[in-house]
C-alpha atoms as a PDB file:
ATOM      1  CA  MET A   1     -14.056  48.918 -23.832  1.00  0.00           C
ATOM      2  CA  GLN A   2     -15.367  49.856 -20.613  1.00  0.00           C
ATOM      3  CA  LEU A   3     -13.517  52.507 -18.621  1.00  0.00           C
ATOM      4  CA  GLN A   4     -14.113  52.722 -14.811  1.00  0.00           C
ATOM      5  CA  PRO A   5     -14.943  56.157 -13.236  1.00  0.00           C
ATOM      6  CA  VAL A   6     -12.092  57.693 -11.257  1.00  0.00           C
ATOM      7  CA  VAL A   7     -12.921  59.875  -8.313  1.00  0.00           C
ATOM      8  CA  MET A   8     -10.655  62.897  -8.544  1.00  0.00           C
ATOM      9  CA  ASN A   9      -9.145  63.124  -5.101  1.00  0.00           C
ATOM     10  CA  ALA A  10      -6.798  65.818  -6.131  1.00  0.00           C
ATOM     11  CA  ALA A  11      -5.992  66.924  -2.061  1.00  0.00           C
ATOM     12  CA  PRO A  12      -3.566  64.437  -0.461  1.00  0.00           C
ATOM     13  CA  GLN A  13      -5.872  63.096   2.387  1.00  0.00           C
ATOM     14  CA  ASP A  14      -3.349  63.523   5.048  1.00  0.00           C
ATOM     15  CA  SER A  15      -2.891  67.050   4.336  1.00  0.00           C
ATOM     16  CA  VAL A  16      -2.838  68.809   7.858  1.00  0.00           C
ATOM     17  CA  PRO A  17      -2.533  72.534   7.929  1.00  0.00           C
ATOM     18  CA  ASP A  18       0.831  73.861   8.555  1.00  0.00           C
ATOM     19  CA  SER A  19       1.095  76.036  11.912  1.00  0.00           C
ATOM     20  CA  GLN A  20       3.418  78.271  10.277  1.00  0.00           C
ATOM     21  CA  PRO A  21       1.831  81.205   8.150  1.00  0.00           C
ATOM     22  CA  ALA A  22       1.410  80.805   4.527  1.00  0.00           C
ATOM     23  CA  GLN A  23       3.484  83.588   3.745  1.00  0.00           C
ATOM     24  CA  SER A  24       6.626  81.990   5.322  1.00  0.00           C
ATOM     25  CA  SER A  25       6.741  78.947   3.162  1.00  0.00           C
ATOM     26  CA  ALA A  26       5.451  80.739  -0.128  1.00  0.00           C
ATOM     27  CA  GLY A  27       7.928  83.044   0.388  1.00  0.00           C
ATOM     28  CA  MET A  28      11.405  80.853   0.484  1.00  0.00           C
ATOM     29  CA  PRO A  29      12.477  79.762  -2.613  1.00  0.00           C
ATOM     30  CA  GLY A  30      13.657  76.532  -1.268  1.00  0.00           C
ATOM     31  CA  LYS A  31      10.349  75.488   0.651  1.00  0.00           C
ATOM     32  CA  THR A  32       7.962  75.601  -2.428  1.00  0.00           C
ATOM     33  CA  GLY A  33       8.078  71.572  -2.351  1.00  0.00           C
ATOM     34  CA  ASP A  34       6.254  71.371   0.658  1.00  0.00           C
ATOM     35  CA  SER A  35       3.521  73.834  -0.281  1.00  0.00           C
ATOM     36  CA  PRO A  36      -0.196  72.437  -0.791  1.00  0.00           C
ATOM     37  CA  PHE A  37      -0.364  73.396  -4.333  1.00  0.00           C
ATOM     38  CA  VAL A  38       2.753  71.395  -5.368  1.00  0.00           C
ATOM     39  CA  GLN A  39       1.258  68.768  -3.258  1.00  0.00           C
ATOM     40  CA  LEU A  40      -1.788  69.082  -5.163  1.00  0.00           C
ATOM     41  CA  LEU A  41      -0.022  68.997  -8.647  1.00  0.00           C
ATOM     42  CA  GLU A  42       1.783  65.989  -7.851  1.00  0.00           C
ATOM     43  CA  SER A  43      -1.221  64.222  -6.488  1.00  0.00           C
ATOM     44  CA  ALA A  44      -3.053  65.069  -9.769  1.00  0.00           C
ATOM     45  CA  GLN A  45      -0.207  63.937 -11.850  1.00  0.00           C
ATOM     46  CA  GLU A  46      -0.181  60.630 -10.281  1.00  0.00           C
ATOM     47  CA  ILE A  47      -3.830  60.445 -11.040  1.00  0.00           C
ATOM     48  CA  CYS A  48      -3.409  61.254 -14.284  1.00  0.00           C
ATOM     49  CA  LYS A  49      -0.535  58.712 -14.385  1.00  0.00           C
ATOM     50  CA  ALA A  50      -2.725  55.873 -13.135  1.00  0.00           C
ATOM     51  CA  GLN A  51      -5.632  56.712 -15.793  1.00  0.00           C
ATOM     52  CA  ASP A  52      -3.401  56.930 -18.538  1.00  0.00           C
ATOM     53  CA  GLN A  53      -2.067  53.340 -17.793  1.00  0.00           C
ATOM     54  CA  ARG A  54      -5.717  52.179 -17.035  1.00  0.00           C
ATOM     55  CA  ILE A  55      -6.687  53.753 -20.652  1.00  0.00           C
ATOM     56  CA  ALA A  56      -3.680  52.066 -22.374  1.00  0.00           C
ATOM     57  CA  GLU A  57      -4.416  48.702 -20.564  1.00  0.00           C
ATOM     58  CA  ASP A  58      -8.174  49.001 -21.739  1.00  0.00           C
ATOM     59  CA  LEU A  59      -6.958  50.027 -25.458  1.00  0.00           C
ATOM     60  CA  ASP A  60      -4.542  46.823 -25.329  1.00  0.00           C
ATOM     61  CA  THR A  61      -7.607  44.452 -24.205  1.00  0.00           C
ATOM     62  CA  HIS A  62      -9.678  46.333 -26.957  1.00  0.00           C
ATOM     63  CA  ALA A  63      -7.255  45.932 -29.650  1.00  0.00           C
ATOM     64  CA  LYS A  64      -6.494  42.004 -28.544  1.00  0.00           C
ATOM     65  CA  SER A  65     -10.439  41.437 -28.294  1.00  0.00           C
ATOM     66  CA  ARG A  66     -10.845  43.018 -31.595  1.00  0.00           C
ATOM     67  CA  SER A  67      -8.023  41.318 -33.522  1.00  0.00           C
ATOM     68  CA  SER A  68      -9.528  37.993 -32.634  1.00  0.00           C
ATOM     69  CA  THR A  69     -12.865  39.208 -33.581  1.00  0.00           C
ATOM     70  CA  ALA A  70     -11.083  40.239 -37.048  1.00  0.00           C
ATOM     71  CA  LYS A  71      -9.739  36.634 -37.438  1.00  0.00           C
ATOM     72  CA  MET A  72     -12.823  34.906 -36.828  1.00  0.00           C
ATOM     73  CA  LEU A  73     -14.534  37.076 -39.307  1.00  0.00           C
ATOM     74  CA  SER A  74     -11.633  36.550 -41.509  1.00  0.00           C
ATOM     75  CA  LEU A  75     -12.292  32.570 -40.705  1.00  0.00           C
ATOM     76  CA  LEU A  76     -15.820  32.687 -41.403  1.00  0.00           C
ATOM     77  CA  GLN A  77     -15.258  34.831 -45.045  1.00  0.00           C
ATOM     78  CA  LEU A  78     -12.694  31.796 -45.810  1.00  0.00           C
ATOM     79  CA  GLN A  79     -15.380  29.149 -44.847  1.00  0.00           C
ATOM     80  CA  TYR A  80     -18.042  31.407 -47.190  1.00  0.00           C
ATOM     81  CA  ASP A  81     -15.592  31.142 -50.058  1.00  0.00           C
ATOM     82  CA  LEU A  82     -15.012  27.694 -49.516  1.00  0.00           C
ATOM     83  CA  ASP A  83     -18.597  26.498 -49.636  1.00  0.00           C
ATOM     84  CA  ASP A  84     -19.349  29.034 -52.688  1.00  0.00           C
ATOM     85  CA  MET A  85     -16.171  27.216 -54.779  1.00  0.00           C
ATOM     86  CA  GLN A  86     -17.678  23.648 -53.469  1.00  0.00           C
ATOM     87  CA  VAL A  87     -21.283  24.741 -54.736  1.00  0.00           C
ATOM     88  CA  SER A  88     -19.492  25.810 -58.007  1.00  0.00           C
ATOM     89  CA  ALA A  89     -17.650  22.782 -58.558  1.00  0.00           C
ATOM     90  CA  THR A  90     -20.633  20.671 -57.808  1.00  0.00           C
ATOM     91  CA  MET A  91     -22.454  22.331 -60.456  1.00  0.00           C
ATOM     92  CA  ALA A  92     -19.410  22.311 -62.900  1.00  0.00           C
ATOM     93  CA  LYS A  93     -19.144  18.546 -62.427  1.00  0.00           C
ATOM     94  CA  ASN A  94     -23.217  18.129 -62.693  1.00  0.00           C
ATOM     95  CA  VAL A  95     -22.972  20.060 -66.079  1.00  0.00           C
ATOM     96  CA  ALA A  96     -19.854  18.027 -67.189  1.00  0.00           C
ATOM     97  CA  ASN A  97     -21.911  14.630 -66.380  1.00  0.00           C
ATOM     98  CA  GLN A  98     -24.844  15.878 -68.193  1.00  0.00           C
ATOM     99  CA  PHE A  99     -22.788  16.754 -71.002  1.00  0.00           C
ATOM    100  CA  SER A 100     -20.624  13.549 -71.168  1.00  0.00           C
ATOM    101  CA  GLN A 101     -24.306  11.682 -71.131  1.00  0.00           C
ATOM    102  CA  ALA A 102     -25.446  13.807 -73.790  1.00  0.00           C
ATOM    103  CA  LEU A 103     -22.533  13.388 -76.046  1.00  0.00           C
ATOM    104  CA  THR A 104     -22.825   9.574 -75.360  1.00  0.00           C
ATOM    105  CA  THR A 105     -26.571   9.633 -76.289  1.00  0.00           C
ATOM    106  CA  LEU A 106     -25.624  11.567 -79.650  1.00  0.00           C
ATOM    107  CA  THR A 107     -22.622   8.938 -80.700  1.00  0.00           C
ATOM    108  CA  GLN A 108     -24.400   6.092 -79.793  1.00  0.00           C
ATOM    109  CA  ARG A 109     -27.505   7.002 -82.070  1.00  0.00           C
ATOM    110  CA  THR A 110     -25.153   7.744 -85.320  1.00  0.00           C
END
């Protein structure tokens, strides 16, 4: 999982200083939406939402690749188990053949 760096430009790029004094906009309760501080907060929230979305996408991608890797490991373990069972079955077959030959040899002598 590789996260890309994000430059935090919280200040709006088109921010032009108001010709009005700062006291007039800060003093009025209805004008707080136009203040640079609120614009700064809104911009920071948008950046955080974009980062959260990118992190969630990266985690989803990582989970998908991890699940495919886990599936591959499971298949490899299954192949190993099948090979092990085949070796065991071959050994059991060889032991049975040798036992059969020994039994045949013993019964022919008597």
